[in-house]
C-alpha atoms as a PDB file:
ATOM      1  CA  MET A   1      12.429  -0.647  32.979  1.00  0.00           C
ATOM      2  CA  THR A   2      11.456   2.516  30.679  1.00  0.00           C
ATOM      3  CA  ARG A   3      11.731   2.350  26.461  1.00  0.00           C
ATOM      4  CA  ALA A   4      13.373   5.787  25.446  1.00  0.00           C
ATOM      5  CA  THR A   5      11.233   7.657  23.650  1.00  0.00           C
ATOM      6  CA  LYS A   6      11.830   9.994  20.452  1.00  0.00           C
ATOM      7  CA  PRO A   7       8.980  12.491  19.059  1.00  0.00           C
ATOM      8  CA  MET A   8       7.817  11.665  15.726  1.00  0.00           C
ATOM      9  CA  SER A   9       5.653  13.612  13.702  1.00  0.00           C
ATOM     10  CA  LEU A  10       4.734  12.709   9.835  1.00  0.00           C
ATOM     11  CA  THR A  11       1.184  12.693   7.641  1.00  0.00           C
ATOM     12  CA  VAL A  12      -0.906   9.529   7.202  1.00  0.00           C
ATOM     13  CA  ASN A  13      -3.855   9.331   4.916  1.00  0.00           C
ATOM     14  CA  ASP A  14      -3.441  13.563   4.370  1.00  0.00           C
ATOM     15  CA  ARG A  15      -3.840  13.664   8.566  1.00  0.00           C
ATOM     16  CA  GLN A  16      -1.109  15.429   9.984  1.00  0.00           C
ATOM     17  CA  VAL A  17       0.470  13.081  13.403  1.00  0.00           C
ATOM     18  CA  GLY A  18       2.289  14.002  16.195  1.00  0.00           C
ATOM     19  CA  PRO A  19       4.511  15.346  17.295  1.00  0.00           C
ATOM     20  CA  VAL A  20       4.214  11.983  19.961  1.00  0.00           C
ATOM     21  CA  ALA A  21       6.573  10.124  21.571  1.00  0.00           C
ATOM     22  CA  VAL A  22       7.529   6.988  20.036  1.00  0.00           C
ATOM     23  CA  PRO A  23       9.340   4.299  21.554  1.00  0.00           C
ATOM     24  CA  GLU A  24      12.507   3.960  19.934  1.00  0.00           C
ATOM     25  CA  GLY A  25      12.871   0.706  18.013  1.00  0.00           C
ATOM     26  CA  LEU A  26       9.398   0.409  17.327  1.00  0.00           C
ATOM     27  CA  MET A  27       7.815  -1.022  14.331  1.00  0.00           C
ATOM     28  CA  MET A  28       5.895   1.251  11.988  1.00  0.00           C
ATOM     29  CA  GLN A  29       3.275  -1.724  11.785  1.00  0.00           C
ATOM     30  CA  ASP A  30       2.653  -1.510  15.539  1.00  0.00           C
ATOM     31  CA  PHE A  31       2.615   2.336  15.848  1.00  0.00           C
ATOM     32  CA  LEU A  32      -0.113   2.374  12.864  1.00  0.00           C
ATOM     33  CA  HIS A  33      -1.858  -0.381  14.625  1.00  0.00           C
ATOM     34  CA  GLU A  34      -1.375   0.798  18.648  1.00  0.00           C
ATOM     35  CA  TYR A  35      -1.043   4.589  17.890  1.00  0.00           C
ATOM     36  CA  LEU A  36      -3.217   4.833  15.150  1.00  0.00           C
ATOM     37  CA  ASN A  37      -5.750   2.218  15.538  1.00  0.00           C
ATOM     38  CA  LEU A  38      -4.969   1.242  11.220  1.00  0.00           C
ATOM     39  CA  THR A  39      -4.950  -1.764  10.946  1.00  0.00           C
ATOM     40  CA  GLY A  40      -4.974  -3.070   7.544  1.00  0.00           C
ATOM     41  CA  ALA A  41      -1.344  -3.285   7.086  1.00  0.00           C
ATOM     42  CA  ARG A  42      -1.420  -6.973   8.212  1.00  0.00           C
ATOM     43  CA  MET A  43       1.202  -8.729   9.951  1.00  0.00           C
ATOM     44  CA  GLY A  44       2.176 -12.150   7.822  1.00  0.00           C
ATOM     45  CA  CYS A  45       5.653 -12.997   8.014  1.00  0.00           C
ATOM     46  CA  GLY A  46       7.222 -10.525  10.256  1.00  0.00           C
ATOM     47  CA  GLN A  47      10.482 -10.983   8.138  1.00  0.00           C
ATOM     48  CA  GLY A  48       8.955  -8.636   4.954  1.00  0.00           C
ATOM     49  CA  ILE A  49       9.135 -10.894   2.893  1.00  0.00           C
ATOM     50  CA  CYS A  50       5.245 -11.044   2.355  1.00  0.00           C
ATOM     51  CA  HIS A  51       4.231  -7.776   1.902  1.00  0.00           C
ATOM     52  CA  ALA A  52       1.002  -7.872   3.750  1.00  0.00           C
ATOM     53  CA  CYS A  53       2.289  -5.215   5.770  1.00  0.00           C
ATOM     54  CA  THR A  54       2.993  -2.482   2.780  1.00  0.00           C
ATOM     55  CA  VAL A  55       2.236   1.106   2.961  1.00  0.00           C
ATOM     56  CA  VAL A  56       2.519   3.954  -0.045  1.00  0.00           C
ATOM     57  CA  VAL A  57       5.266   6.326   0.934  1.00  0.00           C
ATOM     58  CA  GLU A  58       5.054   9.444  -1.184  1.00  0.00           C
ATOM     59  CA  GLU A  59       9.014  10.045  -2.090  1.00  0.00           C
ATOM     60  CA  GLU A  60      10.027  14.043  -1.790  1.00  0.00           C
ATOM     61  CA  ASP A  61       9.729  14.353  -5.795  1.00  0.00           C
ATOM     62  CA  GLY A  62       6.223  12.660  -5.801  1.00  0.00           C
ATOM     63  CA  THR A  63       6.682   9.167  -6.712  1.00  0.00           C
ATOM     64  CA  LEU A  64       4.903   6.300  -4.798  1.00  0.00           C
ATOM     65  CA  ALA A  65       6.936   3.528  -3.189  1.00  0.00           C
ATOM     66  CA  GLU A  66       6.272   0.715  -1.498  1.00  0.00           C
ATOM     67  CA  MET A  67       7.703   0.330   2.103  1.00  0.00           C
ATOM     68  CA  ARG A  68       7.176  -3.269   4.303  1.00  0.00           C
ATOM     69  CA  THR A  69       6.030  -1.740   8.297  1.00  0.00           C
ATOM     70  CA  CYS A  70       7.076  -4.869   9.784  1.00  0.00           C
ATOM     71  CA  ILE A  71      10.391  -4.553   9.472  1.00  0.00           C
ATOM     72  CA  VAL A  72      10.873  -0.924   9.368  1.00  0.00           C
ATOM     73  CA  GLY A  73      10.897   1.210  12.337  1.00  0.00           C
ATOM     74  CA  ALA A  74       8.653   3.660  12.970  1.00  0.00           C
ATOM     75  CA  HIS A  75      11.167   6.605  13.186  1.00  0.00           C
ATOM     76  CA  TRP A  76      12.076   6.225   9.727  1.00  0.00           C
ATOM     77  CA  PHE A  77       8.870   7.746   8.589  1.00  0.00           C
ATOM     78  CA  GLU A  78       9.908  10.959  10.586  1.00  0.00           C
ATOM     79  CA  GLY A  79       8.415  14.066   8.388  1.00  0.00           C
ATOM     80  CA  ARG A  80       7.333  11.502   5.432  1.00  0.00           C
ATOM     81  CA  ARG A  81       3.732  11.154   3.911  1.00  0.00           C
ATOM     82  CA  VAL A  82       2.602   7.812   4.183  1.00  0.00           C
ATOM     83  CA  ARG A  83      -0.925   6.541   2.850  1.00  0.00           C
ATOM     84  CA  THR A  84      -1.950   3.325   4.430  1.00  0.00           C
ATOM     85  CA  ILE A  85      -4.713   0.612   2.731  1.00  0.00           C
ATOM     86  CA  GLU A  86      -7.249   2.943   4.751  1.00  0.00           C
ATOM     87  CA  GLY A  87      -6.277   6.067   3.171  1.00  0.00           C
ATOM     88  CA  ILE A  88      -7.009   4.091  -0.471  1.00  0.00           C
ATOM     89  CA  ALA A  89     -10.402   5.030  -0.788  1.00  0.00           C
ATOM     90  CA  GLU A  90     -11.814   8.477  -1.148  1.00  0.00           C
ATOM     91  CA  ARG A  91     -13.795   9.409   1.870  1.00  0.00           C
ATOM     92  CA  ASP A  92     -15.970  12.291   2.545  1.00  0.00           C
ATOM     93  CA  THR A  93     -15.145  14.909   5.358  1.00  0.00           C
ATOM     94  CA  ASP A  94     -16.888  12.392   8.443  1.00  0.00           C
ATOM     95  CA  GLY A  95     -14.582   9.824   6.599  1.00  0.00           C
ATOM     96  CA  ALA A  96     -17.345   7.696   5.294  1.00  0.00           C
ATOM     97  CA  VAL A  97     -15.985   5.396   2.039  1.00  0.00           C
ATOM     98  CA  THR A  98     -17.782   7.524  -1.379  1.00  0.00           C
ATOM     99  CA  ASP A  99     -15.148   6.182  -3.987  1.00  0.00           C
ATOM    100  CA  LEU A 100     -13.446   3.356  -4.265  1.00  0.00           C
ATOM    101  CA  SER A 101     -10.065   3.304  -5.970  1.00  0.00           C
ATOM    102  CA  PRO A 102      -9.958   1.654  -9.326  1.00  0.00           C
ATOM    103  CA  VAL A 103      -7.231  -1.021  -7.950  1.00  0.00           C
ATOM    104  CA  GLN A 104      -9.919  -1.734  -5.397  1.00  0.00           C
ATOM    105  CA  GLN A 105     -13.094  -1.876  -7.476  1.00  0.00           C
ATOM    106  CA  ALA A 106     -11.209  -3.922 -10.167  1.00  0.00           C
ATOM    107  CA  PHE A 107     -10.415  -6.606  -7.207  1.00  0.00           C
ATOM    108  CA  ILE A 108     -14.149  -6.820  -6.236  1.00  0.00           C
ATOM    109  CA  GLU A 109     -15.339  -7.160  -9.751  1.00  0.00           C
ATOM    110  CA  HIS A 110     -12.889 -10.053 -10.230  1.00  0.00           C
ATOM    111  CA  PHE A 111     -13.271 -11.398  -6.924  1.00  0.00           C
ATOM    112  CA  SER A 112      -9.192 -11.038  -6.642  1.00  0.00           C
ATOM    113  CA  PHE A 113      -9.420 -12.351  -2.890  1.00  0.00           C
ATOM    114  CA  GLN A 114     -10.728 -15.085  -0.853  1.00  0.00           C
ATOM    115  CA  CYS A 115      -9.614 -14.789   2.426  1.00  0.00           C
ATOM    116  CA  GLY A 116      -8.495 -11.174   2.008  1.00  0.00           C
ATOM    117  CA  TYR A 117      -5.408 -11.346   4.331  1.00  0.00           C
ATOM    118  CA  CYS A 118      -3.115 -10.413   1.906  1.00  0.00           C
ATOM    119  CA  THR A 119      -5.606  -7.796  -0.137  1.00  0.00           C
ATOM    120  CA  PRO A 120      -4.145  -4.713   1.279  1.00  0.00           C
ATOM    121  CA  GLY A 121      -0.663  -5.437   0.638  1.00  0.00           C
ATOM    122  CA  PHE A 122      -1.807  -6.125  -3.060  1.00  0.00           C
ATOM    123  CA  VAL A 123      -3.800  -3.289  -3.485  1.00  0.00           C
ATOM    124  CA  ILE A 124      -1.016  -1.121  -2.165  1.00  0.00           C
ATOM    125  CA  GLY A 125       1.433  -2.626  -4.828  1.00  0.00           C
ATOM    126  CA  ALA A 126      -0.830  -2.394  -7.718  1.00  0.00           C
ATOM    127  CA  THR A 127      -1.586   1.455  -6.820  1.00  0.00           C
ATOM    128  CA  VAL A 128       2.072   2.149  -6.820  1.00  0.00           C
ATOM    129  CA  LEU A 129       2.789   0.368 -10.005  1.00  0.00           C
ATOM    130  CA  LEU A 130      -0.107   2.246 -11.390  1.00  0.00           C
ATOM    131  CA  ASP A 131       1.628   5.750 -10.344  1.00  0.00           C
ATOM    132  CA  ARG A 132       4.909   4.318 -12.433  1.00  0.00           C
ATOM    133  CA  LEU A 133       2.476   3.858 -15.640  1.00  0.00           C
ATOM    134  CA  GLN A 134       1.788   7.207 -15.071  1.00  0.00           C
ATOM    135  CA  ARG A 135       5.173   8.763 -15.582  1.00  0.00           C
ATOM    136  CA  GLU A 136       6.591   5.545 -17.547  1.00  0.00           C
ATOM    137  CA  PRO A 137       4.052   3.791 -19.849  1.00  0.00           C
ATOM    138  CA  VAL A 138       4.225   0.310 -21.177  1.00  0.00           C
ATOM    139  CA  SER A 139       3.684  -1.480 -24.243  1.00  0.00           C
ATOM    140  CA  ARG A 140       0.815  -3.668 -24.000  1.00  0.00           C
ATOM    141  CA  GLU A 141       3.271  -6.203 -24.822  1.00  0.00           C
ATOM    142  CA  ASP A 142       5.239  -5.816 -21.841  1.00  0.00           C
ATOM    143  CA  LEU A 143       2.499  -5.142 -19.626  1.00  0.00           C
ATOM    144  CA  GLU A 144       1.723  -9.004 -18.229  1.00  0.00           C
ATOM    145  CA  GLU A 145       5.372  -8.991 -17.172  1.00  0.00           C
ATOM    146  CA  VAL A 146       5.190  -5.401 -15.763  1.00  0.00           C
ATOM    147  CA  ILE A 147       2.043  -6.470 -13.837  1.00  0.00           C
ATOM    148  CA  THR A 148       4.135 -10.170 -12.617  1.00  0.00           C
ATOM    149  CA  GLU A 149       7.361  -7.876 -11.575  1.00  0.00           C
ATOM    150  CA  ALA A 150       5.602  -5.348  -9.566  1.00  0.00           C
ATOM    151  CA  LEU A 151       3.394  -7.775  -7.390  1.00  0.00           C
ATOM    152  CA  ASP A 152       5.248 -11.559  -7.611  1.00  0.00           C
ATOM    153  CA  LYS A 153       6.963  -9.954  -4.341  1.00  0.00           C
ATOM    154  CA  HIS A 154       3.238 -10.357  -2.721  1.00  0.00           C
ATOM    155  CA  ILE A 155       2.290 -13.418  -1.329  1.00  0.00           C
ATOM    156  CA  CYS A 156      -1.532 -15.222  -0.930  1.00  0.00           C
ATOM    157  CA  ARG A 157      -1.770 -18.383   0.385  1.00  0.00           C
ATOM    158  CA  CYS A 158      -5.522 -18.948  -1.432  1.00  0.00           C
ATOM    159  CA  THR A 159      -6.025 -17.129  -4.581  1.00  0.00           C
ATOM    160  CA  GLY A 160      -3.568 -18.655  -7.127  1.00  0.00           C
ATOM    161  CA  TYR A 161      -2.479 -14.663  -7.932  1.00  0.00           C
ATOM    162  CA  ILE A 162      -4.580 -14.743 -11.341  1.00  0.00           C
ATOM    163  CA  ARG A 163      -7.544 -12.796 -10.607  1.00  0.00           C
ATOM    164  CA  TYR A 164      -4.939  -9.925  -9.152  1.00  0.00           C
ATOM    165  CA  LEU A 165      -3.222 -10.075 -12.534  1.00  0.00           C
ATOM    166  CA  GLU A 166      -6.284 -10.034 -13.884  1.00  0.00           C
ATOM    167  CA  ALA A 167      -7.842  -7.106 -11.998  1.00  0.00           C
ATOM    168  CA  VAL A 168      -4.331  -4.967 -12.519  1.00  0.00           C
ATOM    169  CA  ARG A 169      -4.295  -5.531 -16.097  1.00  0.00           C
ATOM    170  CA  ASP A 170      -8.107  -4.444 -16.561  1.00  0.00           C
ATOM    171  CA  VAL A 171      -7.230  -1.061 -14.336  1.00  0.00           C
ATOM    172  CA  ALA A 172      -3.886  -0.469 -16.767  1.00  0.00           C
ATOM    173  CA  LEU A 173      -6.055  -1.020 -19.938  1.00  0.00           C
ATOM    174  CA  LYS A 174      -8.814   1.011 -19.356  1.00  0.00           C
ATOM    175  CA  THR A 175      -6.721   4.262 -17.344  1.00  0.00           C
ATOM    176  CA  PRO A 176      -5.305   6.342 -20.368  1.00  0.00           C
ATOM    177  CA  GLY A 177      -2.145   6.642 -20.944  1.00  0.00           C
ATOM    178  CA  LEU A 178      -0.597   3.931 -18.902  1.00  0.00           C
ATOM    179  CA  VAL A 179      -0.117   1.722 -22.039  1.00  0.00           C
ATOM    180  CA  THR A 180       0.924   1.916 -25.526  1.00  0.00           C
ATOM    181  CA  SER A 181      -0.283   0.080 -28.412  1.00  0.00           C
END
């Protein structure tokens, strides 16, 4: 028995992909892993609860959103712009990392991870939060609550979350225009 396929095209990490024949019902995480060899979106719970599998989706208005790839079919991403953890850092034309994103650098400086399995999801969540803060700055007084709310759905079994929260707070406070007094 052969699975039915449909053509799909999208942009992943600023690279046009497709059209490629993708089985109907294939989850996006499987597409990323099996078709593009992008394995940073991790299989954690397989139910969309832990958020280890999240990627960034650029909305039509340019804002960023998180999307879980273990529970969303690949064809939902048809025509969309997606950024995986592999596309967060700046790279040269050969694909070598030239600069980490501010979030990635802060996570290293704060040693915000232990095993690292959930870290891609936290980087994605923090990246989307910082994008939101660029448009909708928050007061310093509300910053902790906003960070907690944004990252609360991400599950980590190793670190206890404090270092992730500290790293994101530092990036928000050091980035002009994200936090008001």
